[in-house]
Every structure is written in structure tokens, then in C-alpha cells.
Full PDB file with SEQRES, HELIX, SHEET, SSBOND, CRYST1, ORIGX, SCALE, CONECT and MASTER records, all heavy atoms in Angstrom:
SEQRES   1 A   38  MET SER ARG HIS SER MET GLY LEU GLY GLY PRO PRO SER          
SEQRES   2 A   38  PRO TYR GLU ALA GLY PRO GLU PRO ALA ASP ARG HIS SER          
SEQRES   3 A   38  VAL SER ARG GLN PRO ALA TYR GLN ALA LEU ARG ARG              
HELIX    1 AA1 ARG A   24  SER A   28  1                                   5    
HELIX    2 AA2 PRO A   31  ARG A   37  1                                   7    
CRYST1    1.000    1.000    1.000  90.00  90.00  90.00 P 1           1          
ORIGX1      1.000000  0.000000  0.000000        0.00000                         
ORIGX2      0.000000  1.000000  0.000000        0.00000                         
ORIGX3      0.000000  0.000000  1.000000        0.00000                         
SCALE1      1.000000  0.000000  0.000000        0.00000                         
SCALE2      0.000000  1.000000  0.000000        0.00000                         
SCALE3      0.000000  0.000000  1.000000        0.00000                         
ATOM      1  N   MET A   1      16.442  11.887   6.256  1.00  0.00           N  
ATOM      2  CA  MET A   1      15.149  11.703   5.643  1.00  0.00           C  
ATOM      3  C   MET A   1      15.368  11.067   4.279  1.00  0.00           C  
ATOM      4  O   MET A   1      16.193  11.499   3.505  1.00  0.00           O  
ATOM      5  CB  MET A   1      14.473  13.065   5.529  1.00  0.00           C  
ATOM      6  CG  MET A   1      13.060  12.973   5.091  1.00  0.00           C  
ATOM      7  SD  MET A   1      12.208  14.546   5.246  1.00  0.00           S  
ATOM      8  CE  MET A   1      11.471  14.320   6.824  1.00  0.00           C  
ATOM      9  N   SER A   2      14.577  10.050   3.941  1.00  0.00           N  
ATOM     10  CA  SER A   2      14.767   9.333   2.684  1.00  0.00           C  
ATOM     11  C   SER A   2      13.920   9.955   1.572  1.00  0.00           C  
ATOM     12  O   SER A   2      13.034  10.764   1.822  1.00  0.00           O  
ATOM     13  CB  SER A   2      14.396   7.870   2.855  1.00  0.00           C  
ATOM     14  OG  SER A   2      12.999   7.744   2.942  1.00  0.00           O  
ATOM     15  N   ARG A   3      14.202   9.527   0.348  1.00  0.00           N  
ATOM     16  CA  ARG A   3      13.426   9.997  -0.802  1.00  0.00           C  
ATOM     17  C   ARG A   3      11.973   9.573  -0.663  1.00  0.00           C  
ATOM     18  O   ARG A   3      11.067  10.295  -1.052  1.00  0.00           O  
ATOM     19  CB  ARG A   3      14.011   9.433  -2.090  1.00  0.00           C  
ATOM     20  CG  ARG A   3      15.352  10.000  -2.455  1.00  0.00           C  
ATOM     21  CD  ARG A   3      15.919   9.307  -3.694  1.00  0.00           C  
ATOM     22  NE  ARG A   3      15.018   9.249  -4.821  1.00  0.00           N  
ATOM     23  CZ  ARG A   3      14.880  10.207  -5.747  1.00  0.00           C  
ATOM     24  NH1 ARG A   3      15.606  11.305  -5.659  1.00  0.00           N  
ATOM     25  NH2 ARG A   3      14.038  10.068  -6.739  1.00  0.00           N  
ATOM     26  N   HIS A   4      11.750   8.374  -0.074  1.00  0.00           N  
ATOM     27  CA  HIS A   4      10.393   7.871   0.069  1.00  0.00           C  
ATOM     28  C   HIS A   4       9.591   8.733   1.043  1.00  0.00           C  
ATOM     29  O   HIS A   4       8.456   9.094   0.765  1.00  0.00           O  
ATOM     30  CB  HIS A   4      10.421   6.416   0.544  1.00  0.00           C  
ATOM     31  CG  HIS A   4       9.064   5.829   0.751  1.00  0.00           C  
ATOM     32  ND1 HIS A   4       8.246   5.511  -0.297  1.00  0.00           N  
ATOM     33  CD2 HIS A   4       8.381   5.531   1.878  1.00  0.00           C  
ATOM     34  CE1 HIS A   4       7.120   5.026   0.176  1.00  0.00           C  
ATOM     35  NE2 HIS A   4       7.172   5.025   1.485  1.00  0.00           N  
ATOM     36  N   SER A   5      10.174   9.083   2.165  1.00  0.00           N  
ATOM     37  CA  SER A   5       9.436   9.856   3.165  1.00  0.00           C  
ATOM     38  C   SER A   5       9.206  11.288   2.704  1.00  0.00           C  
ATOM     39  O   SER A   5       8.294  11.952   3.166  1.00  0.00           O  
ATOM     40  CB  SER A   5      10.176   9.841   4.502  1.00  0.00           C  
ATOM     41  OG  SER A   5      11.429  10.466   4.360  1.00  0.00           O  
ATOM     42  N   MET A   6      10.033  11.765   1.768  1.00  0.00           N  
ATOM     43  CA  MET A   6       9.832  13.109   1.235  1.00  0.00           C  
ATOM     44  C   MET A   6       8.856  13.099   0.066  1.00  0.00           C  
ATOM     45  O   MET A   6       8.559  14.117  -0.517  1.00  0.00           O  
ATOM     46  CB  MET A   6      11.162  13.706   0.787  1.00  0.00           C  
ATOM     47  CG  MET A   6      12.084  13.973   1.946  1.00  0.00           C  
ATOM     48  SD  MET A   6      13.723  14.589   1.548  1.00  0.00           S  
ATOM     49  CE  MET A   6      13.712  15.024  -0.124  1.00  0.00           C  
ATOM     50  N   GLY A   7       8.349  11.916  -0.314  1.00  0.00           N  
ATOM     51  CA  GLY A   7       7.389  11.817  -1.401  1.00  0.00           C  
ATOM     52  C   GLY A   7       8.041  11.825  -2.772  1.00  0.00           C  
ATOM     53  O   GLY A   7       7.393  12.131  -3.761  1.00  0.00           O  
ATOM     54  N   LEU A   8       9.330  11.511  -2.858  1.00  0.00           N  
ATOM     55  CA  LEU A   8      10.033  11.540  -4.129  1.00  0.00           C  
ATOM     56  C   LEU A   8      10.132  10.175  -4.773  1.00  0.00           C  
ATOM     57  O   LEU A   8      10.770  10.023  -5.798  1.00  0.00           O  
ATOM     58  CB  LEU A   8      11.440  12.121  -3.934  1.00  0.00           C  
ATOM     59  CG  LEU A   8      11.483  13.559  -3.426  1.00  0.00           C  
ATOM     60  CD1 LEU A   8      12.903  13.969  -3.160  1.00  0.00           C  
ATOM     61  CD2 LEU A   8      10.837  14.489  -4.421  1.00  0.00           C  
ATOM     62  N   GLY A   9       9.554   9.180  -4.198  1.00  0.00           N  
ATOM     63  CA  GLY A   9       9.580   7.844  -4.779  1.00  0.00           C  
ATOM     64  C   GLY A   9      10.719   7.023  -4.232  1.00  0.00           C  
ATOM     65  O   GLY A   9      11.467   7.448  -3.356  1.00  0.00           O  
ATOM     66  N   GLY A  10      10.872   5.845  -4.759  1.00  0.00           N  
ATOM     67  CA  GLY A  10      11.905   4.946  -4.280  1.00  0.00           C  
ATOM     68  C   GLY A  10      11.401   4.145  -3.101  1.00  0.00           C  
ATOM     69  O   GLY A  10      10.424   4.507  -2.454  1.00  0.00           O  
ATOM     70  N   PRO A  11      12.049   3.054  -2.811  1.00  0.00           N  
ATOM     71  CA  PRO A  11      11.595   2.222  -1.695  1.00  0.00           C  
ATOM     72  C   PRO A  11      11.917   2.875  -0.360  1.00  0.00           C  
ATOM     73  O   PRO A  11      12.858   3.656  -0.251  1.00  0.00           O  
ATOM     74  CB  PRO A  11      12.396   0.930  -1.879  1.00  0.00           C  
ATOM     75  CG  PRO A  11      13.614   1.348  -2.609  1.00  0.00           C  
ATOM     76  CD  PRO A  11      13.197   2.484  -3.495  1.00  0.00           C  
ATOM     77  N   PRO A  12      11.124   2.576   0.655  1.00  0.00           N  
ATOM     78  CA  PRO A  12      11.417   3.139   1.967  1.00  0.00           C  
ATOM     79  C   PRO A  12      12.676   2.504   2.548  1.00  0.00           C  
ATOM     80  O   PRO A  12      13.047   1.386   2.220  1.00  0.00           O  
ATOM     81  CB  PRO A  12      10.190   2.780   2.807  1.00  0.00           C  
ATOM     82  CG  PRO A  12       9.614   1.594   2.128  1.00  0.00           C  
ATOM     83  CD  PRO A  12       9.938   1.734   0.675  1.00  0.00           C  
ATOM     84  N   SER A  13      13.333   3.251   3.403  1.00  0.00           N  
ATOM     85  CA  SER A  13      14.513   2.747   4.079  1.00  0.00           C  
ATOM     86  C   SER A  13      14.106   1.613   5.023  1.00  0.00           C  
ATOM     87  O   SER A  13      13.021   1.654   5.600  1.00  0.00           O  
ATOM     88  CB  SER A  13      15.153   3.882   4.880  1.00  0.00           C  
ATOM     89  OG  SER A  13      16.082   3.363   5.801  1.00  0.00           O  
ATOM     90  N   PRO A  14      14.940   0.596   5.199  1.00  0.00           N  
ATOM     91  CA  PRO A  14      14.552  -0.481   6.120  1.00  0.00           C  
ATOM     92  C   PRO A  14      14.488   0.000   7.560  1.00  0.00           C  
ATOM     93  O   PRO A  14      13.903  -0.665   8.400  1.00  0.00           O  
ATOM     94  CB  PRO A  14      15.657  -1.520   5.931  1.00  0.00           C  
ATOM     95  CG  PRO A  14      16.779  -0.820   5.272  1.00  0.00           C  
ATOM     96  CD  PRO A  14      16.202   0.341   4.536  1.00  0.00           C  
ATOM     97  N   TYR A  15      15.059   1.165   7.858  1.00  0.00           N  
ATOM     98  CA  TYR A  15      15.043   1.689   9.218  1.00  0.00           C  
ATOM     99  C   TYR A  15      13.851   2.595   9.465  1.00  0.00           C  
ATOM    100  O   TYR A  15      13.619   3.024  10.572  1.00  0.00           O  
ATOM    101  CB  TYR A  15      16.339   2.452   9.505  1.00  0.00           C  
ATOM    102  CG  TYR A  15      17.547   1.593   9.281  1.00  0.00           C  
ATOM    103  CD1 TYR A  15      18.383   1.801   8.196  1.00  0.00           C  
ATOM    104  CD2 TYR A  15      17.831   0.527  10.133  1.00  0.00           C  
ATOM    105  CE1 TYR A  15      19.472   0.988   7.976  1.00  0.00           C  
ATOM    106  CE2 TYR A  15      18.922  -0.290   9.909  1.00  0.00           C  
ATOM    107  CZ  TYR A  15      19.743  -0.052   8.839  1.00  0.00           C  
ATOM    108  OH  TYR A  15      20.817  -0.858   8.612  1.00  0.00           O  
ATOM    109  N   GLU A  16      13.107   2.898   8.409  1.00  0.00           N  
ATOM    110  CA  GLU A  16      11.943   3.756   8.532  1.00  0.00           C  
ATOM    111  C   GLU A  16      10.707   2.898   8.746  1.00  0.00           C  
ATOM    112  O   GLU A  16      10.502   1.925   8.037  1.00  0.00           O  
ATOM    113  CB  GLU A  16      11.735   4.507   7.220  1.00  0.00           C  
ATOM    114  CG  GLU A  16      12.060   5.948   7.293  1.00  0.00           C  
ATOM    115  CD  GLU A  16      11.828   6.578   5.932  1.00  0.00           C  
ATOM    116  OE1 GLU A  16      10.671   6.583   5.479  1.00  0.00           O  
ATOM    117  OE2 GLU A  16      12.799   7.030   5.354  1.00  0.00           O  
ATOM    118  N   ALA A  17       9.881   3.278   9.677  1.00  0.00           N  
ATOM    119  CA  ALA A  17       8.629   2.555   9.876  1.00  0.00           C  
ATOM    120  C   ALA A  17       7.620   3.120   8.902  1.00  0.00           C  
ATOM    121  O   ALA A  17       7.282   4.293   8.948  1.00  0.00           O  
ATOM    122  CB  ALA A  17       8.143   2.730  11.304  1.00  0.00           C  
ATOM    123  N   GLY A  18       7.146   2.298   7.979  1.00  0.00           N  
ATOM    124  CA  GLY A  18       6.159   2.727   7.003  1.00  0.00           C  
ATOM    125  C   GLY A  18       4.768   2.552   7.568  1.00  0.00           C  
ATOM    126  O   GLY A  18       4.578   2.041   8.670  1.00  0.00           O  
ATOM    127  N   PRO A  19       3.759   2.971   6.821  1.00  0.00           N  
ATOM    128  CA  PRO A  19       2.394   2.793   7.301  1.00  0.00           C  
ATOM    129  C   PRO A  19       2.027   1.312   7.315  1.00  0.00           C  
ATOM    130  O   PRO A  19       2.609   0.513   6.593  1.00  0.00           O  
ATOM    131  CB  PRO A  19       1.559   3.544   6.261  1.00  0.00           C  
ATOM    132  CG  PRO A  19       2.401   3.567   5.039  1.00  0.00           C  
ATOM    133  CD  PRO A  19       3.826   3.598   5.517  1.00  0.00           C  
ATOM    134  N   GLU A  20       1.082   0.997   8.142  1.00  0.00           N  
ATOM    135  CA  GLU A  20       0.615  -0.389   8.210  1.00  0.00           C  
ATOM    136  C   GLU A  20      -0.005  -0.749   6.867  1.00  0.00           C  
ATOM    137  O   GLU A  20      -0.749   0.035   6.291  1.00  0.00           O  
ATOM    138  CB  GLU A  20      -0.442  -0.532   9.307  1.00  0.00           C  
ATOM    139  CG  GLU A  20       0.118  -0.412  10.689  1.00  0.00           C  
ATOM    140  CD  GLU A  20       1.039  -1.569  11.031  1.00  0.00           C  
ATOM    141  OE1 GLU A  20       0.717  -2.711  10.678  1.00  0.00           O  
ATOM    142  OE2 GLU A  20       2.090  -1.321  11.635  1.00  0.00           O  
ATOM    143  N   PRO A  21       0.290  -1.925   6.343  1.00  0.00           N  
ATOM    144  CA  PRO A  21      -0.331  -2.301   5.077  1.00  0.00           C  
ATOM    145  C   PRO A  21      -1.829  -2.485   5.256  1.00  0.00           C  
ATOM    146  O   PRO A  21      -2.281  -2.935   6.301  1.00  0.00           O  
ATOM    147  CB  PRO A  21       0.348  -3.618   4.709  1.00  0.00           C  
ATOM    148  CG  PRO A  21       0.894  -4.142   5.980  1.00  0.00           C  
ATOM    149  CD  PRO A  21       1.180  -2.959   6.857  1.00  0.00           C  
ATOM    150  N   ALA A  22      -2.573  -2.101   4.236  1.00  0.00           N  
ATOM    151  CA  ALA A  22      -4.027  -2.244   4.308  1.00  0.00           C  
ATOM    152  C   ALA A  22      -4.385  -3.719   4.298  1.00  0.00           C  
ATOM    153  O   ALA A  22      -3.649  -4.554   3.794  1.00  0.00           O  
ATOM    154  CB  ALA A  22      -4.674  -1.542   3.125  1.00  0.00           C  
ATOM    155  N   ASP A  23      -5.520  -4.005   4.857  1.00  0.00           N  
ATOM    156  CA  ASP A  23      -5.995  -5.375   4.869  1.00  0.00           C  
ATOM    157  C   ASP A  23      -6.473  -5.721   3.459  1.00  0.00           C  
ATOM    158  O   ASP A  23      -7.547  -5.313   3.031  1.00  0.00           O  
ATOM    159  CB  ASP A  23      -7.128  -5.512   5.880  1.00  0.00           C  
ATOM    160  CG  ASP A  23      -7.625  -6.936   5.998  1.00  0.00           C  
ATOM    161  OD1 ASP A  23      -6.912  -7.849   5.542  1.00  0.00           O  
ATOM    162  OD2 ASP A  23      -8.722  -7.106   6.545  1.00  0.00           O  
ATOM    163  N   ARG A  24      -5.640  -6.442   2.721  1.00  0.00           N  
ATOM    164  CA  ARG A  24      -5.944  -6.752   1.321  1.00  0.00           C  
ATOM    165  C   ARG A  24      -7.170  -7.645   1.208  1.00  0.00           C  
ATOM    166  O   ARG A  24      -7.876  -7.614   0.212  1.00  0.00           O  
ATOM    167  CB  ARG A  24      -4.751  -7.428   0.645  1.00  0.00           C  
ATOM    168  CG  ARG A  24      -3.483  -6.647   0.704  1.00  0.00           C  
ATOM    169  CD  ARG A  24      -3.576  -5.378  -0.081  1.00  0.00           C  
ATOM    170  NE  ARG A  24      -2.289  -4.686  -0.048  1.00  0.00           N  
ATOM    171  CZ  ARG A  24      -2.150  -3.404  -0.186  1.00  0.00           C  
ATOM    172  NH1 ARG A  24      -3.198  -2.645  -0.367  1.00  0.00           N  
ATOM    173  NH2 ARG A  24      -0.962  -2.834  -0.137  1.00  0.00           N  
ATOM    174  N   HIS A  25      -7.438  -8.443   2.233  1.00  0.00           N  
ATOM    175  CA  HIS A  25      -8.598  -9.320   2.170  1.00  0.00           C  
ATOM    176  C   HIS A  25      -9.891  -8.515   2.216  1.00  0.00           C  
ATOM    177  O   HIS A  25     -10.871  -8.901   1.602  1.00  0.00           O  
ATOM    178  CB  HIS A  25      -8.565 -10.348   3.294  1.00  0.00           C  
ATOM    179  CG  HIS A  25      -7.382 -11.266   3.207  1.00  0.00           C  
ATOM    180  ND1 HIS A  25      -7.270 -12.194   2.188  1.00  0.00           N  
ATOM    181  CD2 HIS A  25      -6.266 -11.379   3.955  1.00  0.00           C  
ATOM    182  CE1 HIS A  25      -6.127 -12.839   2.333  1.00  0.00           C  
ATOM    183  NE2 HIS A  25      -5.503 -12.372   3.396  1.00  0.00           N  
ATOM    184  N   SER A  26      -9.893  -7.388   2.922  1.00  0.00           N  
ATOM    185  CA  SER A  26     -11.102  -6.576   2.959  1.00  0.00           C  
ATOM    186  C   SER A  26     -11.361  -5.950   1.594  1.00  0.00           C  
ATOM    187  O   SER A  26     -12.512  -5.789   1.192  1.00  0.00           O  
ATOM    188  CB  SER A  26     -10.997  -5.492   4.031  1.00  0.00           C  
ATOM    189  OG  SER A  26      -9.998  -4.553   3.688  1.00  0.00           O  
ATOM    190  N   VAL A  27     -10.312  -5.604   0.861  1.00  0.00           N  
ATOM    191  CA  VAL A  27     -10.488  -5.048  -0.479  1.00  0.00           C  
ATOM    192  C   VAL A  27     -10.979  -6.132  -1.429  1.00  0.00           C  
ATOM    193  O   VAL A  27     -11.852  -5.899  -2.260  1.00  0.00           O  
ATOM    194  CB  VAL A  27      -9.167  -4.426  -0.986  1.00  0.00           C  
ATOM    195  CG1 VAL A  27      -9.300  -3.994  -2.429  1.00  0.00           C  
ATOM    196  CG2 VAL A  27      -8.765  -3.269  -0.116  1.00  0.00           C  
ATOM    197  N   SER A  28     -10.457  -7.345  -1.290  1.00  0.00           N  
ATOM    198  CA  SER A  28     -10.856  -8.415  -2.205  1.00  0.00           C  
ATOM    199  C   SER A  28     -12.298  -8.854  -1.973  1.00  0.00           C  
ATOM    200  O   SER A  28     -12.881  -9.505  -2.825  1.00  0.00           O  
ATOM    201  CB  SER A  28      -9.913  -9.605  -2.089  1.00  0.00           C  
ATOM    202  OG  SER A  28     -10.032 -10.210  -0.826  1.00  0.00           O  
ATOM    203  N   ARG A  29     -12.868  -8.485  -0.836  1.00  0.00           N  
ATOM    204  CA  ARG A  29     -14.265  -8.817  -0.573  1.00  0.00           C  
ATOM    205  C   ARG A  29     -15.223  -7.745  -1.076  1.00  0.00           C  
ATOM    206  O   ARG A  29     -16.434  -7.926  -1.006  1.00  0.00           O  
ATOM    207  CB  ARG A  29     -14.480  -9.031   0.925  1.00  0.00           C  
ATOM    208  CG  ARG A  29     -13.980 -10.376   1.386  1.00  0.00           C  
ATOM    209  CD  ARG A  29     -14.347 -10.617   2.838  1.00  0.00           C  
ATOM    210  NE  ARG A  29     -13.129 -10.942   3.556  1.00  0.00           N  
ATOM    211  CZ  ARG A  29     -12.587 -10.234   4.529  1.00  0.00           C  
ATOM    212  NH1 ARG A  29     -13.179  -9.160   4.964  1.00  0.00           N  
ATOM    213  NH2 ARG A  29     -11.465 -10.604   5.095  1.00  0.00           N  
ATOM    214  N   GLN A  30     -14.698  -6.640  -1.564  1.00  0.00           N  
ATOM    215  CA  GLN A  30     -15.549  -5.556  -2.057  1.00  0.00           C  
ATOM    216  C   GLN A  30     -16.280  -6.006  -3.324  1.00  0.00           C  
ATOM    217  O   GLN A  30     -15.699  -6.653  -4.187  1.00  0.00           O  
ATOM    218  CB  GLN A  30     -14.693  -4.324  -2.384  1.00  0.00           C  
ATOM    219  CG  GLN A  30     -14.051  -3.669  -1.197  1.00  0.00           C  
ATOM    220  CD  GLN A  30     -15.068  -2.971  -0.333  1.00  0.00           C  
ATOM    221  OE1 GLN A  30     -16.046  -2.423  -0.826  1.00  0.00           O  
ATOM    222  NE2 GLN A  30     -14.833  -3.001   0.964  1.00  0.00           N  
ATOM    223  N   PRO A  31     -17.559  -5.664  -3.462  1.00  0.00           N  
ATOM    224  CA  PRO A  31     -18.296  -6.031  -4.686  1.00  0.00           C  
ATOM    225  C   PRO A  31     -17.668  -5.429  -5.948  1.00  0.00           C  
ATOM    226  O   PRO A  31     -17.678  -6.063  -7.000  1.00  0.00           O  
ATOM    227  CB  PRO A  31     -19.700  -5.463  -4.453  1.00  0.00           C  
ATOM    228  CG  PRO A  31     -19.810  -5.259  -2.996  1.00  0.00           C  
ATOM    229  CD  PRO A  31     -18.422  -5.032  -2.470  1.00  0.00           C  
ATOM    230  N   ALA A  32     -17.101  -4.238  -5.833  1.00  0.00           N  
ATOM    231  CA  ALA A  32     -16.472  -3.614  -7.001  1.00  0.00           C  
ATOM    232  C   ALA A  32     -15.260  -4.427  -7.445  1.00  0.00           C  
ATOM    233  O   ALA A  32     -15.021  -4.593  -8.650  1.00  0.00           O  
ATOM    234  CB  ALA A  32     -16.043  -2.185  -6.671  1.00  0.00           C  
ATOM    235  N   TYR A  33     -14.504  -4.946  -6.504  1.00  0.00           N  
ATOM    236  CA  TYR A  33     -13.335  -5.759  -6.840  1.00  0.00           C  
ATOM    237  C   TYR A  33     -13.766  -7.069  -7.495  1.00  0.00           C  
ATOM    238  O   TYR A  33     -13.170  -7.508  -8.483  1.00  0.00           O  
ATOM    239  CB  TYR A  33     -12.509  -6.029  -5.587  1.00  0.00           C  
ATOM    240  CG  TYR A  33     -11.285  -6.860  -5.840  1.00  0.00           C  
ATOM    241  CD1 TYR A  33     -10.145  -6.291  -6.402  1.00  0.00           C  
ATOM    242  CD2 TYR A  33     -11.256  -8.218  -5.525  1.00  0.00           C  
ATOM    243  CE1 TYR A  33      -9.018  -7.054  -6.641  1.00  0.00           C  
ATOM    244  CE2 TYR A  33     -10.142  -8.981  -5.768  1.00  0.00           C  
ATOM    245  CZ  TYR A  33      -9.020  -8.392  -6.321  1.00  0.00           C  
ATOM    246  OH  TYR A  33      -7.909  -9.153  -6.566  1.00  0.00           O  
ATOM    247  N   GLN A  34     -14.801  -7.687  -6.963  1.00  0.00           N  
ATOM    248  CA  GLN A  34     -15.301  -8.932  -7.532  1.00  0.00           C  
ATOM    249  C   GLN A  34     -15.822  -8.708  -8.957  1.00  0.00           C  
ATOM    250  O   GLN A  34     -15.566  -9.516  -9.858  1.00  0.00           O  
ATOM    251  CB  GLN A  34     -16.407  -9.526  -6.652  1.00  0.00           C  
ATOM    252  CG  GLN A  34     -15.943  -9.915  -5.274  1.00  0.00           C  
ATOM    253  CD  GLN A  34     -14.901 -11.017  -5.302  1.00  0.00           C  
ATOM    254  OE1 GLN A  34     -14.937 -11.886  -6.160  1.00  0.00           O  
ATOM    255  NE2 GLN A  34     -13.978 -10.975  -4.370  1.00  0.00           N  
ATOM    256  N   ALA A  35     -16.540  -7.604  -9.162  1.00  0.00           N  
ATOM    257  CA  ALA A  35     -17.040  -7.288 -10.509  1.00  0.00           C  
ATOM    258  C   ALA A  35     -15.884  -7.007 -11.458  1.00  0.00           C  
ATOM    259  O   ALA A  35     -15.923  -7.402 -12.632  1.00  0.00           O  
ATOM    260  CB  ALA A  35     -17.968  -6.080 -10.452  1.00  0.00           C  
ATOM    261  N   LEU A  36     -14.846  -6.359 -10.954  1.00  0.00           N  
ATOM    262  CA  LEU A  36     -13.666  -6.083 -11.772  1.00  0.00           C  
ATOM    263  C   LEU A  36     -13.003  -7.379 -12.216  1.00  0.00           C  
ATOM    264  O   LEU A  36     -12.660  -7.544 -13.385  1.00  0.00           O  
ATOM    265  CB  LEU A  36     -12.675  -5.229 -10.980  1.00  0.00           C  
ATOM    266  CG  LEU A  36     -11.333  -4.961 -11.639  1.00  0.00           C  
ATOM    267  CD1 LEU A  36     -11.508  -4.033 -12.816  1.00  0.00           C  
ATOM    268  CD2 LEU A  36     -10.381  -4.356 -10.622  1.00  0.00           C  
ATOM    269  N   ARG A  37     -12.853  -8.309 -11.299  1.00  0.00           N  
ATOM    270  CA  ARG A  37     -12.238  -9.599 -11.645  1.00  0.00           C  
ATOM    271  C   ARG A  37     -13.075 -10.362 -12.662  1.00  0.00           C  
ATOM    272  O   ARG A  37     -12.544 -10.923 -13.620  1.00  0.00           O  
ATOM    273  CB  ARG A  37     -12.051 -10.443 -10.393  1.00  0.00           C  
ATOM    274  CG  ARG A  37     -10.890  -9.954  -9.550  1.00  0.00           C  
ATOM    275  CD  ARG A  37     -10.582 -10.929  -8.469  1.00  0.00           C  
ATOM    276  NE  ARG A  37     -10.505 -12.274  -9.023  1.00  0.00           N  
ATOM    277  CZ  ARG A  37      -9.552 -13.139  -8.756  1.00  0.00           C  
ATOM    278  NH1 ARG A  37      -8.586 -12.798  -7.959  1.00  0.00           N  
ATOM    279  NH2 ARG A  37      -9.564 -14.334  -9.268  1.00  0.00           N  
ATOM    280  N   ARG A  38     -14.395 -10.371 -12.462  1.00  0.00           N  
ATOM    281  CA  ARG A  38     -15.270 -11.063 -13.417  1.00  0.00           C  
ATOM    282  C   ARG A  38     -15.175 -10.438 -14.806  1.00  0.00           C  
ATOM    283  O   ARG A  38     -15.055 -11.146 -15.808  1.00  0.00           O  
ATOM    284  CB  ARG A  38     -16.727 -11.016 -12.935  1.00  0.00           C  
ATOM    285  CG  ARG A  38     -17.104 -12.130 -12.007  1.00  0.00           C  
ATOM    286  CD  ARG A  38     -18.615 -12.190 -11.810  1.00  0.00           C  
ATOM    287  NE  ARG A  38     -19.186 -10.919 -11.371  1.00  0.00           N  
ATOM    288  CZ  ARG A  38     -19.245 -10.520 -10.103  1.00  0.00           C  
ATOM    289  NH1 ARG A  38     -18.766 -11.282  -9.143  1.00  0.00           N  
ATOM    290  NH2 ARG A  38     -19.776  -9.364  -9.787  1.00  0.00           N  
TER     291      ARG A  38                                                      
MASTER        0    0    0    2    0    0    0    6  290    1    0    3          
END                                                                             
């Protein structure tokens, strides 16, 4: 078990399957994100 999977920080092991990355485009379309950028 790696430090990352135990919640201790550090990058995940390349052999560990991490969670799917969130769809960043859906976040960038949020009105709050657009207002933040402006």
C-alpha cells in the first residue's frame, strides 16, 4: 500500500489505479468558474 492510497500524500504509484480524472471541461463551463476568471 502506498502513501497516497493511505491518504498520507505523495504521488500515486504507477501501478495503482487512481480515480478517473474529473471532466475539467464541465467545471470550466460552470457560471461560478466563469465569474471567478472574470
